[in-house]
Amino acid sequence: MDLSTSHDLALLLLSVSSLANTDFPLSTADLLPFLVATLTAADVPADTRLACLAALRNLSAKLKHVRAVVTSGAVRALLALSLLERTETTAAEAALGVLADVASASAAGRREMAEDEEAPRALVE
C-alpha cells in the first residue's frame, strides 16, 4: 500500500472510530494490524502516524475494543513511539495517551506494559 493510500485509510479509520454513539462498524481484528504496522513503519509521514494514533485512542476508549488493542501488538508499538526524539513530541504524547487508556481499562494492558523492558524508560522520559 502506498503512503497516500495509507494516509487516506488512516483518516477514514479516525473518522469512523470517532463516532461516539455508534458501534465501530468494522472488525477491529482486521483494522488493528494496519494501524500497528503503520505506527511501526519507518517511512510514515507524521500526519498519517497521528491519524493512526487518534484512531487507536478512540478504539481504546471503548471497553469492548481494549483487549483487541492489547493483543494486536499496539502496546509495544506505542511504547516505542513514546521514546521518539523531540522532533516527534506530538506522536510521543499521543502514544502515551493511548497507553494510559489501555492501562486504566485493562489488566491485560497493564501486564503487557509491565512485561516490556522499554516501559519504565518510556514512561519516565
PDB file of N, CA and C in Angstrom:
ATOM      1  N   MET A   1       0.850  -1.166   0.000  1.00  0.00           N
ATOM      2  CA  MET A   1       0.000   0.000   0.000  1.00  0.00           C
ATOM      3  C   MET A   1       0.900   1.235   0.000  1.00  0.00           C
ATOM      4  N   ASP A   2       0.599   2.192  -0.884  1.00  0.00           N
ATOM      5  CA  ASP A   2       1.442   3.386  -0.939  1.00  0.00           C
ATOM      6  C   ASP A   2       1.096   4.355   0.199  1.00  0.00           C
ATOM      7  N   LEU A   3       1.954   5.342   0.390  1.00  0.00           N
ATOM      8  CA  LEU A   3       1.803   6.263   1.520  1.00  0.00           C
ATOM      9  C   LEU A   3       0.517   7.076   1.444  1.00  0.00           C
ATOM     10  N   SER A   4       0.130   7.475   0.247  1.00  0.00           N
ATOM     11  CA  SER A   4      -1.095   8.255   0.091  1.00  0.00           C
ATOM     12  C   SER A   4      -2.323   7.437   0.481  1.00  0.00           C
ATOM     13  N   THR A   5      -2.355   6.186   0.051  1.00  0.00           N
ATOM     14  CA  THR A   5      -3.470   5.306   0.401  1.00  0.00           C
ATOM     15  C   THR A   5      -3.481   5.037   1.898  1.00  0.00           C
ATOM     16  N   SER A   6      -2.307   4.818   2.483  1.00  0.00           N
ATOM     17  CA  SER A   6      -2.220   4.604   3.929  1.00  0.00           C
ATOM     18  C   SER A   6      -2.748   5.811   4.689  1.00  0.00           C
ATOM     19  N   HIS A   7      -2.390   6.992   4.228  1.00  0.00           N
ATOM     20  CA  HIS A   7      -2.854   8.212   4.888  1.00  0.00           C
ATOM     21  C   HIS A   7      -4.373   8.334   4.791  1.00  0.00           C
ATOM     22  N   ASP A   8      -4.912   8.095   3.600  1.00  0.00           N
ATOM     23  CA  ASP A   8      -6.362   8.186   3.415  1.00  0.00           C
ATOM     24  C   ASP A   8      -7.095   7.166   4.276  1.00  0.00           C
ATOM     25  N   LEU A   9      -6.572   5.947   4.348  1.00  0.00           N
ATOM     26  CA  LEU A   9      -7.203   4.920   5.171  1.00  0.00           C
ATOM     27  C   LEU A   9      -7.124   5.290   6.652  1.00  0.00           C
ATOM     28  N   ALA A  10      -5.993   5.820   7.083  1.00  0.00           N
ATOM     29  CA  ALA A  10      -5.847   6.237   8.480  1.00  0.00           C
ATOM     30  C   ALA A  10      -6.865   7.324   8.827  1.00  0.00           C
ATOM     31  N   LEU A  11      -7.071   8.280   7.923  1.00  0.00           N
ATOM     32  CA  LEU A  11      -8.059   9.333   8.167  1.00  0.00           C
ATOM     33  C   LEU A  11      -9.476   8.777   8.204  1.00  0.00           C
ATOM     34  N   LEU A  12      -9.767   7.819   7.339  1.00  0.00           N
ATOM     35  CA  LEU A  12     -11.083   7.185   7.338  1.00  0.00           C
ATOM     36  C   LEU A  12     -11.324   6.447   8.656  1.00  0.00           C
ATOM     37  N   LEU A  13     -10.330   5.687   9.105  1.00  0.00           N
ATOM     38  CA  LEU A  13     -10.467   4.963  10.372  1.00  0.00           C
ATOM     39  C   LEU A  13     -10.622   5.927  11.545  1.00  0.00           C
ATOM     40  N   LEU A  14      -9.923   7.034  11.497  1.00  0.00           N
ATOM     41  CA  LEU A  14     -10.071   8.048  12.538  1.00  0.00           C
ATOM     42  C   LEU A  14     -11.498   8.583  12.558  1.00  0.00           C
ATOM     43  N   SER A  15     -12.025   8.892  11.394  1.00  0.00           N
ATOM     44  CA  SER A  15     -13.389   9.425  11.320  1.00  0.00           C
ATOM     45  C   SER A  15     -14.410   8.431  11.837  1.00  0.00           C
ATOM     46  N   VAL A  16     -14.313   7.199  11.389  1.00  0.00           N
ATOM     47  CA  VAL A  16     -15.286   6.182  11.790  1.00  0.00           C
ATOM     48  C   VAL A  16     -15.161   5.869  13.276  1.00  0.00           C
ATOM     49  N   SER A  17     -13.939   5.794  13.780  1.00  0.00           N
ATOM     50  CA  SER A  17     -13.742   5.442  15.189  1.00  0.00           C
ATOM     51  C   SER A  17     -14.168   6.561  16.131  1.00  0.00           C
ATOM     52  N   SER A  18     -14.318   7.771  15.619  1.00  0.00           N
ATOM     53  CA  SER A  18     -14.684   8.894  16.483  1.00  0.00           C
ATOM     54  C   SER A  18     -16.186   9.027  16.701  1.00  0.00           C
ATOM     55  N   LEU A  19     -16.966   8.197  16.065  1.00  0.00           N
ATOM     56  CA  LEU A  19     -18.413   8.253  16.245  1.00  0.00           C
ATOM     57  C   LEU A  19     -18.763   7.639  17.590  1.00  0.00           C
ATOM     58  N   ALA A  20     -18.870   8.467  18.597  1.00  0.00           N
ATOM     59  CA  ALA A  20     -19.021   8.004  19.982  1.00  0.00           C
ATOM     60  C   ALA A  20     -20.286   7.200  20.219  1.00  0.00           C
ATOM     61  N   ASN A  21     -21.368   7.537  19.578  1.00  0.00           N
ATOM     62  CA  ASN A  21     -22.638   6.865  19.834  1.00  0.00           C
ATOM     63  C   ASN A  21     -22.918   5.725  18.863  1.00  0.00           C
ATOM     64  N   THR A  22     -21.934   5.351  18.100  1.00  0.00           N
ATOM     65  CA  THR A  22     -22.114   4.314  17.098  1.00  0.00           C
ATOM     66  C   THR A  22     -21.117   3.198  17.349  1.00  0.00           C
ATOM     67  N   ASP A  23     -21.559   1.974  17.200  1.00  0.00           N
ATOM     68  CA  ASP A  23     -20.614   0.863  17.273  1.00  0.00           C
ATOM     69  C   ASP A  23     -19.674   0.955  16.088  1.00  0.00           C
ATOM     70  N   PHE A  24     -18.428   0.596  16.322  1.00  0.00           N
ATOM     71  CA  PHE A  24     -17.453   0.597  15.243  1.00  0.00           C
ATOM     72  C   PHE A  24     -17.910  -0.440  14.223  1.00  0.00           C
ATOM     73  N   PRO A  25     -18.225  -0.038  12.990  1.00  0.00           N
ATOM     74  CA  PRO A  25     -18.875  -0.938  12.046  1.00  0.00           C
ATOM     75  C   PRO A  25     -17.962  -1.984  11.407  1.00  0.00           C
ATOM     76  N   LEU A  26     -16.692  -1.910  11.658  1.00  0.00           N
ATOM     77  CA  LEU A  26     -15.742  -2.834  11.047  1.00  0.00           C
ATOM     78  C   LEU A  26     -15.061  -3.649  12.129  1.00  0.00           C
ATOM     79  N   SER A  27     -14.595  -4.809  11.755  1.00  0.00           N
ATOM     80  CA  SER A  27     -13.910  -5.671  12.711  1.00  0.00           C
ATOM     81  C   SER A  27     -12.558  -5.066  13.093  1.00  0.00           C
ATOM     82  N   THR A  28     -12.361  -4.870  14.384  1.00  0.00           N
ATOM     83  CA  THR A  28     -11.076  -4.330  14.826  1.00  0.00           C
ATOM     84  C   THR A  28      -9.942  -5.304  14.535  1.00  0.00           C
ATOM     85  N   ALA A  29     -10.255  -6.596  14.463  1.00  0.00           N
ATOM     86  CA  ALA A  29      -9.225  -7.594  14.151  1.00  0.00           C
ATOM     87  C   ALA A  29      -8.657  -7.375  12.752  1.00  0.00           C
ATOM     88  N   ASP A  30      -9.450  -6.807  11.870  1.00  0.00           N
ATOM     89  CA  ASP A  30      -8.978  -6.527  10.516  1.00  0.00           C
ATOM     90  C   ASP A  30      -8.233  -5.198  10.428  1.00  0.00           C
ATOM     91  N   LEU A  31      -8.586  -4.257  11.282  1.00  0.00           N
ATOM     92  CA  LEU A  31      -8.032  -2.910  11.184  1.00  0.00           C
ATOM     93  C   LEU A  31      -6.803  -2.675  12.046  1.00  0.00           C
ATOM     94  N   LEU A  32      -6.750  -3.319  13.186  1.00  0.00           N
ATOM     95  CA  LEU A  32      -5.617  -3.099  14.092  1.00  0.00           C
ATOM     96  C   LEU A  32      -4.270  -3.463  13.475  1.00  0.00           C
ATOM     97  N   PRO A  33      -4.168  -4.549  12.696  1.00  0.00           N
ATOM     98  CA  PRO A  33      -2.864  -4.825  12.071  1.00  0.00           C
ATOM     99  C   PRO A  33      -2.387  -3.673  11.179  1.00  0.00           C
ATOM    100  N   PHE A  34      -3.309  -3.046  10.441  1.00  0.00           N
ATOM    101  CA  PHE A  34      -2.937  -1.892   9.623  1.00  0.00           C
ATOM    102  C   PHE A  34      -2.445  -0.748  10.505  1.00  0.00           C
ATOM    103  N   LEU A  35      -3.192  -0.445  11.560  1.00  0.00           N
ATOM    104  CA  LEU A  35      -2.807   0.659  12.438  1.00  0.00           C
ATOM    105  C   LEU A  35      -1.446   0.417  13.079  1.00  0.00           C
ATOM    106  N   VAL A  36      -1.228  -0.790  13.587  1.00  0.00           N
ATOM    107  CA  VAL A  36       0.045  -1.113  14.244  1.00  0.00           C
ATOM    108  C   VAL A  36       1.188  -1.097  13.232  1.00  0.00           C
ATOM    109  N   ALA A  37       0.969  -1.679  12.057  1.00  0.00           N
ATOM    110  CA  ALA A  37       2.017  -1.695  11.028  1.00  0.00           C
ATOM    111  C   ALA A  37       2.368  -0.280  10.589  1.00  0.00           C
ATOM    112  N   THR A  38       1.379   0.565  10.469  1.00  0.00           N
ATOM    113  CA  THR A  38       1.627   1.949  10.071  1.00  0.00           C
ATOM    114  C   THR A  38       2.404   2.689  11.155  1.00  0.00           C
ATOM    115  N   LEU A  39       2.068   2.438  12.405  1.00  0.00           N
ATOM    116  CA  LEU A  39       2.782   3.098  13.503  1.00  0.00           C
ATOM    117  C   LEU A  39       4.239   2.666  13.585  1.00  0.00           C
ATOM    118  N   THR A  40       4.531   1.432  13.223  1.00  0.00           N
ATOM    119  CA  THR A  40       5.892   0.919  13.353  1.00  0.00           C
ATOM    120  C   THR A  40       6.733   1.104  12.094  1.00  0.00           C
ATOM    121  N   ALA A  41       6.123   1.500  10.997  1.00  0.00           N
ATOM    122  CA  ALA A  41       6.868   1.697   9.752  1.00  0.00           C
ATOM    123  C   ALA A  41       7.737   2.948   9.860  1.00  0.00           C
ATOM    124  N   ALA A  42       8.914   2.874   9.280  1.00  0.00           N
ATOM    125  CA  ALA A  42       9.871   3.978   9.393  1.00  0.00           C
ATOM    126  C   ALA A  42       9.547   5.148   8.466  1.00  0.00           C
ATOM    127  N   ASP A  43       8.920   4.876   7.340  1.00  0.00           N
ATOM    128  CA  ASP A  43       8.740   5.907   6.319  1.00  0.00           C
ATOM    129  C   ASP A  43       7.359   6.564   6.326  1.00  0.00           C
ATOM    130  N   VAL A  44       6.664   6.495   7.432  1.00  0.00           N
ATOM    131  CA  VAL A  44       5.308   7.036   7.511  1.00  0.00           C
ATOM    132  C   VAL A  44       5.358   8.519   7.885  1.00  0.00           C
ATOM    133  N   PRO A  45       4.660   9.365   7.132  1.00  0.00           N
ATOM    134  CA  PRO A  45       4.613  10.788   7.490  1.00  0.00           C
ATOM    135  C   PRO A  45       3.958  11.002   8.853  1.00  0.00           C
ATOM    136  N   ALA A  46       4.333  12.064   9.513  1.00  0.00           N
ATOM    137  CA  ALA A  46       3.836  12.351  10.862  1.00  0.00           C
ATOM    138  C   ALA A  46       2.321  12.477  10.904  1.00  0.00           C
ATOM    139  N   ASP A  47       1.711  13.084   9.880  1.00  0.00           N
ATOM    140  CA  ASP A  47       0.255  13.254   9.912  1.00  0.00           C
ATOM    141  C   ASP A  47      -0.483  11.926   9.798  1.00  0.00           C
ATOM    142  N   THR A  48       0.084  10.982   9.067  1.00  0.00           N
ATOM    143  CA  THR A  48      -0.517   9.646   8.975  1.00  0.00           C
ATOM    144  C   THR A  48      -0.374   8.930  10.308  1.00  0.00           C
ATOM    145  N   ARG A  49       0.798   9.028  10.906  1.00  0.00           N
ATOM    146  CA  ARG A  49       1.031   8.401  12.212  1.00  0.00           C
ATOM    147  C   ARG A  49       0.070   8.978  13.264  1.00  0.00           C
ATOM    148  N   LEU A  50      -0.129  10.281  13.246  1.00  0.00           N
ATOM    149  CA  LEU A  50      -1.040  10.911  14.209  1.00  0.00           C
ATOM    150  C   LEU A  50      -2.489  10.476  13.994  1.00  0.00           C
ATOM    151  N   ALA A  51      -2.893  10.293  12.742  1.00  0.00           N
ATOM    152  CA  ALA A  51      -4.252   9.814  12.463  1.00  0.00           C
ATOM    153  C   ALA A  51      -4.430   8.397  12.999  1.00  0.00           C
ATOM    154  N   CYS A  52      -3.412   7.555  12.835  1.00  0.00           N
ATOM    155  CA  CYS A  52      -3.474   6.187  13.371  1.00  0.00           C
ATOM    156  C   CYS A  52      -3.524   6.204  14.896  1.00  0.00           C
ATOM    157  N   LEU A  53      -2.737   7.065  15.505  1.00  0.00           N
ATOM    158  CA  LEU A  53      -2.754   7.179  16.967  1.00  0.00           C
ATOM    159  C   LEU A  53      -4.117   7.652  17.467  1.00  0.00           C
ATOM    160  N   ALA A  54      -4.713   8.596  16.772  1.00  0.00           N
ATOM    161  CA  ALA A  54      -6.032   9.088  17.177  1.00  0.00           C
ATOM    162  C   ALA A  54      -7.087   7.997  17.025  1.00  0.00           C
ATOM    163  N   ALA A  55      -7.005   7.214  15.953  1.00  0.00           N
ATOM    164  CA  ALA A  55      -7.947   6.103  15.774  1.00  0.00           C
ATOM    165  C   ALA A  55      -7.765   5.074  16.885  1.00  0.00           C
ATOM    166  N   LEU A  56      -6.516   4.766  17.230  1.00  0.00           N
ATOM    167  CA  LEU A  56      -6.259   3.840  18.342  1.00  0.00           C
ATOM    168  C   LEU A  56      -6.779   4.408  19.658  1.00  0.00           C
ATOM    169  N   ARG A  57      -6.643   5.694  19.848  1.00  0.00           N
ATOM    170  CA  ARG A  57      -7.151   6.331  21.070  1.00  0.00           C
ATOM    171  C   ARG A  57      -8.664   6.175  21.153  1.00  0.00           C
ATOM    172  N   ASN A  58      -9.338   6.400  20.027  1.00  0.00           N
ATOM    173  CA  ASN A  58     -10.793   6.246  20.004  1.00  0.00           C
ATOM    174  C   ASN A  58     -11.197   4.806  20.299  1.00  0.00           C
ATOM    175  N   LEU A  59     -10.476   3.857  19.711  1.00  0.00           N
ATOM    176  CA  LEU A  59     -10.799   2.443  19.943  1.00  0.00           C
ATOM    177  C   LEU A  59     -10.513   2.044  21.384  1.00  0.00           C
ATOM    178  N   SER A  60      -9.391   2.496  21.925  1.00  0.00           N
ATOM    179  CA  SER A  60      -9.022   2.093  23.283  1.00  0.00           C
ATOM    180  C   SER A  60      -9.920   2.735  24.334  1.00  0.00           C
ATOM    181  N   ALA A  61     -10.629   3.783  23.964  1.00  0.00           N
ATOM    182  CA  ALA A  61     -11.551   4.425  24.896  1.00  0.00           C
ATOM    183  C   ALA A  61     -12.854   3.635  25.045  1.00  0.00           C
ATOM    184  N   LYS A  62     -13.073   2.685  24.158  1.00  0.00           N
ATOM    185  CA  LYS A  62     -14.278   1.849  24.226  1.00  0.00           C
ATOM    186  C   LYS A  62     -13.878   0.502  24.810  1.00  0.00           C
ATOM    187  N   LEU A  63     -14.438   0.170  25.955  1.00  0.00           N
ATOM    188  CA  LEU A  63     -14.032  -1.034  26.689  1.00  0.00           C
ATOM    189  C   LEU A  63     -14.060  -2.297  25.849  1.00  0.00           C
ATOM    190  N   LYS A  64     -15.020  -2.416  24.954  1.00  0.00           N
ATOM    191  CA  LYS A  64     -15.118  -3.657  24.189  1.00  0.00           C
ATOM    192  C   LYS A  64     -13.975  -3.829  23.182  1.00  0.00           C
ATOM    193  N   HIS A  65     -13.215  -2.775  22.922  1.00  0.00           N
ATOM    194  CA  HIS A  65     -12.103  -2.872  21.970  1.00  0.00           C
ATOM    195  C   HIS A  65     -10.736  -2.940  22.637  1.00  0.00           C
ATOM    196  N   VAL A  66     -10.668  -2.715  23.937  1.00  0.00           N
ATOM    197  CA  VAL A  66      -9.374  -2.629  24.621  1.00  0.00           C
ATOM    198  C   VAL A  66      -8.580  -3.925  24.491  1.00  0.00           C
ATOM    199  N   ARG A  67      -9.216  -5.067  24.716  1.00  0.00           N
ATOM    200  CA  ARG A  67      -8.498  -6.339  24.625  1.00  0.00           C
ATOM    201  C   ARG A  67      -7.913  -6.541  23.224  1.00  0.00           C
ATOM    202  N   ALA A  68      -8.682  -6.193  22.194  1.00  0.00           N
ATOM    203  CA  ALA A  68      -8.184  -6.327  20.821  1.00  0.00           C
ATOM    204  C   ALA A  68      -6.991  -5.406  20.587  1.00  0.00           C
ATOM    205  N   VAL A  69      -7.036  -4.210  21.144  1.00  0.00           N
ATOM    206  CA  VAL A  69      -5.906  -3.279  21.012  1.00  0.00           C
ATOM    207  C   VAL A  69      -4.666  -3.877  21.671  1.00  0.00           C
ATOM    208  N   VAL A  70      -4.835  -4.449  22.854  1.00  0.00           N
ATOM    209  CA  VAL A  70      -3.698  -5.037  23.579  1.00  0.00           C
ATOM    210  C   VAL A  70      -3.124  -6.221  22.815  1.00  0.00           C
ATOM    211  N   THR A  71      -3.975  -7.124  22.351  1.00  0.00           N
ATOM    212  CA  THR A  71      -3.486  -8.339  21.690  1.00  0.00           C
ATOM    213  C   THR A  71      -2.956  -8.078  20.282  1.00  0.00           C
ATOM    214  N   SER A  72      -3.193  -6.893  19.747  1.00  0.00           N
ATOM    215  CA  SER A  72      -2.734  -6.577  18.391  1.00  0.00           C
ATOM    216  C   SER A  72      -1.250  -6.230  18.334  1.00  0.00           C
ATOM    217  N   GLY A  73      -0.618  -6.070  19.479  1.00  0.00           N
ATOM    218  CA  GLY A  73       0.775  -5.636  19.496  1.00  0.00           C
ATOM    219  C   GLY A  73       0.912  -4.127  19.580  1.00  0.00           C
ATOM    220  N   ALA A  74      -0.206  -3.450  19.770  1.00  0.00           N
ATOM    221  CA  ALA A  74      -0.181  -1.988  19.809  1.00  0.00           C
ATOM    222  C   ALA A  74       0.616  -1.453  20.988  1.00  0.00           C
ATOM    223  N   VAL A  75       0.599  -2.159  22.115  1.00  0.00           N
ATOM    224  CA  VAL A  75       1.303  -1.657  23.305  1.00  0.00           C
ATOM    225  C   VAL A  75       2.789  -1.501  23.016  1.00  0.00           C
ATOM    226  N   ARG A  76       3.395  -2.486  22.388  1.00  0.00           N
ATOM    227  CA  ARG A  76       4.837  -2.380  22.064  1.00  0.00           C
ATOM    228  C   ARG A  76       5.098  -1.231  21.097  1.00  0.00           C
ATOM    229  N   ALA A  77       4.229  -1.106  20.088  1.00  0.00           N
ATOM    230  CA  ALA A  77       4.386  -0.014  19.124  1.00  0.00           C
ATOM    231  C   ALA A  77       4.234   1.340  19.811  1.00  0.00           C
ATOM    232  N   LEU A  78       3.283   1.439  20.718  1.00  0.00           N
ATOM    233  CA  LEU A  78       3.053   2.695  21.437  1.00  0.00           C
ATOM    234  C   LEU A  78       4.215   3.034  22.362  1.00  0.00           C
ATOM    235  N   LEU A  79       4.764   2.032  23.027  1.00  0.00           N
ATOM    236  CA  LEU A  79       5.930   2.276  23.885  1.00  0.00           C
ATOM    237  C   LEU A  79       7.110   2.769  23.054  1.00  0.00           C
ATOM    238  N   ALA A  80       7.312   2.171  21.891  1.00  0.00           N
ATOM    239  CA  ALA A  80       8.403   2.612  21.013  1.00  0.00           C
ATOM    240  C   ALA A  80       8.174   4.052  20.554  1.00  0.00           C
ATOM    241  N   LEU A  81       6.938   4.381  20.204  1.00  0.00           N
ATOM    242  CA  LEU A  81       6.634   5.749  19.771  1.00  0.00           C
ATOM    243  C   LEU A  81       6.824   6.757  20.898  1.00  0.00           C
ATOM    244  N   SER A  82       6.553   6.341  22.110  1.00  0.00           N
ATOM    245  CA  SER A  82       6.692   7.276  23.229  1.00  0.00           C
ATOM    246  C   SER A  82       8.150   7.643  23.485  1.00  0.00           C
ATOM    247  N   LEU A  83       9.068   6.888  22.914  1.00  0.00           N
ATOM    248  CA  LEU A  83      10.501   7.167  23.074  1.00  0.00           C
ATOM    249  C   LEU A  83      11.089   7.970  21.915  1.00  0.00           C
ATOM    250  N   LEU A  84      10.238   8.440  21.009  1.00  0.00           N
ATOM    251  CA  LEU A  84      10.731   9.175  19.846  1.00  0.00           C
ATOM    252  C   LEU A  84      11.451  10.455  20.254  1.00  0.00           C
ATOM    253  N   GLU A  85      12.295  10.895  19.369  1.00  0.00           N
ATOM    254  CA  GLU A  85      13.059  12.126  19.612  1.00  0.00           C
ATOM    255  C   GLU A  85      12.115  13.316  19.775  1.00  0.00           C
ATOM    256  N   ARG A  86      12.657  14.398  20.242  1.00  0.00           N
ATOM    257  CA  ARG A  86      11.851  15.599  20.486  1.00  0.00           C
ATOM    258  C   ARG A  86      11.154  16.107  19.232  1.00  0.00           C
ATOM    259  N   THR A  87      11.680  15.790  18.053  1.00  0.00           N
ATOM    260  CA  THR A  87      11.038  16.234  16.818  1.00  0.00           C
ATOM    261  C   THR A  87       9.683  15.568  16.626  1.00  0.00           C
ATOM    262  N   GLU A  88       9.441  14.483  17.324  1.00  0.00           N
ATOM    263  CA  GLU A  88       8.181  13.744  17.222  1.00  0.00           C
ATOM    264  C   GLU A  88       7.405  13.819  18.539  1.00  0.00           C
ATOM    265  N   THR A  89       7.505  14.930  19.230  1.00  0.00           N
ATOM    266  CA  THR A  89       6.877  15.067  20.543  1.00  0.00           C
ATOM    267  C   THR A  89       5.379  14.811  20.491  1.00  0.00           C
ATOM    268  N   THR A  90       4.702  15.298  19.475  1.00  0.00           N
ATOM    269  CA  THR A  90       3.254  15.125  19.381  1.00  0.00           C
ATOM    270  C   THR A  90       2.891  13.654  19.297  1.00  0.00           C
ATOM    271  N   ALA A  91       3.627  12.892  18.492  1.00  0.00           N
ATOM    272  CA  ALA A  91       3.359  11.453  18.376  1.00  0.00           C
ATOM    273  C   ALA A  91       3.647  10.749  19.696  1.00  0.00           C
ATOM    274  N   ALA A  92       4.725  11.130  20.360  1.00  0.00           N
ATOM    275  CA  ALA A  92       5.070  10.510  21.642  1.00  0.00           C
ATOM    276  C   ALA A  92       3.990  10.783  22.681  1.00  0.00           C
ATOM    277  N   GLU A  93       3.499  12.005  22.729  1.00  0.00           N
ATOM    278  CA  GLU A  93       2.442  12.345  23.689  1.00  0.00           C
ATOM    279  C   GLU A  93       1.142  11.615  23.371  1.00  0.00           C
ATOM    280  N   ALA A  94       0.811  11.505  22.089  1.00  0.00           N
ATOM    281  CA  ALA A  94      -0.401  10.783  21.690  1.00  0.00           C
ATOM    282  C   ALA A  94      -0.285   9.303  22.048  1.00  0.00           C
ATOM    283  N   ALA A  95       0.903   8.736  21.848  1.00  0.00           N
ATOM    284  CA  ALA A  95       1.126   7.327  22.196  1.00  0.00           C
ATOM    285  C   ALA A  95       0.946   7.115  23.695  1.00  0.00           C
ATOM    286  N   LEU A  96       1.455   8.036  24.500  1.00  0.00           N
ATOM    287  CA  LEU A  96       1.284   7.930  25.953  1.00  0.00           C
ATOM    288  C   LEU A  96      -0.185   8.026  26.355  1.00  0.00           C
ATOM    289  N   GLY A  97      -0.950   8.827  25.638  1.00  0.00           N
ATOM    290  CA  GLY A  97      -2.380   8.929  25.914  1.00  0.00           C
ATOM    291  C   GLY A  97      -3.108   7.618  25.673  1.00  0.00           C
ATOM    292  N   VAL A  98      -2.760   6.949  24.582  1.00  0.00           N
ATOM    293  CA  VAL A  98      -3.383   5.651  24.289  1.00  0.00           C
ATOM    294  C   VAL A  98      -2.947   4.625  25.327  1.00  0.00           C
ATOM    295  N   LEU A  99      -1.669   4.637  25.685  1.00  0.00           N
ATOM    296  CA  LEU A  99      -1.178   3.714  26.717  1.00  0.00           C
ATOM    297  C   LEU A  99      -1.917   3.925  28.038  1.00  0.00           C
ATOM    298  N   ALA A 100      -2.185   5.163  28.381  1.00  0.00           N
ATOM    299  CA  ALA A 100      -2.920   5.444  29.617  1.00  0.00           C
ATOM    300  C   ALA A 100      -4.325   4.863  29.559  1.00  0.00           C
ATOM    301  N   ASP A 101      -4.986   5.003  28.412  1.00  0.00           N
ATOM    302  CA  ASP A 101      -6.325   4.421  28.247  1.00  0.00           C
ATOM    303  C   ASP A 101      -6.284   2.914  28.407  1.00  0.00           C
ATOM    304  N   VAL A 102      -5.327   2.288  27.736  1.00  0.00           N
ATOM    305  CA  VAL A 102      -5.220   0.826  27.769  1.00  0.00           C
ATOM    306  C   VAL A 102      -4.902   0.347  29.183  1.00  0.00           C
ATOM    307  N   ALA A 103      -3.981   1.025  29.855  1.00  0.00           N
ATOM    308  CA  ALA A 103      -3.591   0.615  31.208  1.00  0.00           C
ATOM    309  C   ALA A 103      -4.725   0.804  32.210  1.00  0.00           C
ATOM    310  N   SER A 104      -5.489   1.862  32.049  1.00  0.00           N
ATOM    311  CA  SER A 104      -6.566   2.107  33.012  1.00  0.00           C
ATOM    312  C   SER A 104      -7.768   1.199  32.795  1.00  0.00           C
ATOM    313  N   ALA A 105      -7.931   0.689  31.588  1.00  0.00           N
ATOM    314  CA  ALA A 105      -9.124  -0.102  31.276  1.00  0.00           C
ATOM    315  C   ALA A 105      -8.899  -1.601  31.288  1.00  0.00           C
ATOM    316  N   SER A 106      -7.645  -2.044  31.344  1.00  0.00           N
ATOM    317  CA  SER A 106      -7.408  -3.465  31.130  1.00  0.00           C
ATOM    318  C   SER A 106      -6.212  -3.983  31.925  1.00  0.00           C
ATOM    319  N   ALA A 107      -6.450  -5.046  32.668  1.00  0.00           N
ATOM    320  CA  ALA A 107      -5.344  -5.714  33.363  1.00  0.00           C
ATOM    321  C   ALA A 107      -4.372  -6.290  32.346  1.00  0.00           C
ATOM    322  N   ALA A 108      -4.898  -6.767  31.225  1.00  0.00           N
ATOM    323  CA  ALA A 108      -4.033  -7.309  30.171  1.00  0.00           C
ATOM    324  C   ALA A 108      -3.123  -6.217  29.618  1.00  0.00           C
ATOM    325  N   GLY A 109      -3.641  -5.008  29.494  1.00  0.00           N
ATOM    326  CA  GLY A 109      -2.825  -3.890  29.032  1.00  0.00           C
ATOM    327  C   GLY A 109      -1.723  -3.552  30.014  1.00  0.00           C
ATOM    328  N   ARG A 110      -2.057  -3.559  31.297  1.00  0.00           N
ATOM    329  CA  ARG A 110      -1.036  -3.294  32.325  1.00  0.00           C
ATOM    330  C   ARG A 110       0.029  -4.387  32.318  1.00  0.00           C
ATOM    331  N   ARG A 111      -0.392  -5.649  32.163  1.00  0.00           N
ATOM    332  CA  ARG A 111       0.574  -6.764  32.105  1.00  0.00           C
ATOM    333  C   ARG A 111       1.491  -6.623  30.899  1.00  0.00           C
ATOM    334  N   GLU A 112       0.907  -6.293  29.753  1.00  0.00           N
ATOM    335  CA  GLU A 112       1.697  -6.135  28.527  1.00  0.00           C
ATOM    336  C   GLU A 112       2.744  -5.036  28.709  1.00  0.00           C
ATOM    337  N   MET A 113       2.367  -3.962  29.354  1.00  0.00           N
ATOM    338  CA  MET A 113       3.320  -2.880  29.606  1.00  0.00           C
ATOM    339  C   MET A 113       4.390  -3.317  30.599  1.00  0.00           C
ATOM    340  N   ALA A 114       3.991  -4.036  31.639  1.00  0.00           N
ATOM    341  CA  ALA A 114       4.941  -4.476  32.663  1.00  0.00           C
ATOM    342  C   ALA A 114       5.960  -5.453  32.098  1.00  0.00           C
ATOM    343  N   GLU A 115       5.558  -6.236  31.099  1.00  0.00           N
ATOM    344  CA  GLU A 115       6.455  -7.233  30.519  1.00  0.00           C
ATOM    345  C   GLU A 115       7.429  -6.641  29.511  1.00  0.00           C
ATOM    346  N   ASP A 116       7.186  -5.436  29.053  1.00  0.00           N
ATOM    347  CA  ASP A 116       8.061  -4.808  28.065  1.00  0.00           C
ATOM    348  C   ASP A 116       9.195  -4.094  28.791  1.00  0.00           C
ATOM    349  N   GLU A 117      10.424  -4.442  28.471  1.00  0.00           N
ATOM    350  CA  GLU A 117      11.563  -3.855  29.182  1.00  0.00           C
ATOM    351  C   GLU A 117      11.769  -2.376  28.867  1.00  0.00           C
ATOM    352  N   GLU A 118      11.159  -1.868  27.800  1.00  0.00           N
ATOM    353  CA  GLU A 118      11.261  -0.445  27.474  1.00  0.00           C
ATOM    354  C   GLU A 118      10.250   0.404  28.242  1.00  0.00           C
ATOM    355  N   ALA A 119       9.274  -0.225  28.886  1.00  0.00           N
ATOM    356  CA  ALA A 119       8.186   0.514  29.537  1.00  0.00           C
ATOM    357  C   ALA A 119       8.677   1.520  30.579  1.00  0.00           C
ATOM    358  N   PRO A 120       9.549   1.142  31.503  1.00  0.00           N
ATOM    359  CA  PRO A 120       9.972   2.138  32.502  1.00  0.00           C
ATOM    360  C   PRO A 120      10.621   3.365  31.862  1.00  0.00           C
ATOM    361  N   ARG A 121      11.473   3.139  30.893  1.00  0.00           N
ATOM    362  CA  ARG A 121      12.139   4.250  30.223  1.00  0.00           C
ATOM    363  C   ARG A 121      11.128   5.109  29.465  1.00  0.00           C
ATOM    364  N   ALA A 122      10.185   4.453  28.786  1.00  0.00           N
ATOM    365  CA  ALA A 122       9.182   5.180  28.011  1.00  0.00           C
ATOM    366  C   ALA A 122       8.300   6.038  28.902  1.00  0.00           C
ATOM    367  N   LEU A 123       7.964   5.529  30.054  1.00  0.00           N
ATOM    368  CA  LEU A 123       7.054   6.253  30.937  1.00  0.00           C
ATOM    369  C   LEU A 123       7.753   7.346  31.733  1.00  0.00           C
ATOM    370  N   VAL A 124       9.047   7.195  31.972  1.00  0.00           N
ATOM    371  CA  VAL A 124       9.785   8.190  32.743  1.00  0.00           C
ATOM    372  C   VAL A 124      10.265   9.328  31.854  1.00  0.00           C
ATOM    373  N   GLU A 125      10.772   9.002  30.686  1.00  0.00           N
ATOM    374  CA  GLU A 125      11.302  10.039  29.792  1.00  0.00           C
ATOM    375  C   GLU A 125      10.152  10.731  29.172  1.00  0.00           C
TER     376      GLU A 125
END
